[in-house]
């Protein structure tokens, strides 16, 4: 990867803000692996607070930075809030911009958890990682108006791709 090509996330900052700043300075593109409308399983229905087997939009894509695969994104969205989204392109623009422009959905809050896990075979292959590699997994729940769940995302990345920074001011 090019020297310095990583995202700096300030604790408490929405992830898409860091992504937008990063995309201004680097070549970013997406490869769509899968996109469809499907029934949700118990895990996703619980997170999105929708009935089991409700329709969700599922998007899986790889983000390339400077031509190198850096993240795998798995996105689950409550389909009743975004009908027709499966017909849209997701190759060049952040998803939250599409949600705002096409559906009028404003993100109110994100809840995130960050963990380090062992990469599975698919992740190692897609991200060109060696055997035994660990990856950063960011789990994110996005809430919209009235704190309603809209989206659940899992982002798998090479740990070198993100830097986390916390700043505190007493004034």
Foldseek 3Di string as FASTA:
>chain_A
DPPPLAFEAEPPDPPVVSVVVSVVPWPKWKDWPDWDKWFDAPVVCVLQVHDGGQIWIWTWIFMATNNATFKIKIKIFRCVQPPPPSVDDDIPDDPVVCCCVVRVWDWDDKDKDKDKDFDDPVRCVRRVHDPRAIWIWIWMWTATPPRRTTMIMIMTGRVVRYHYDYDDDPD
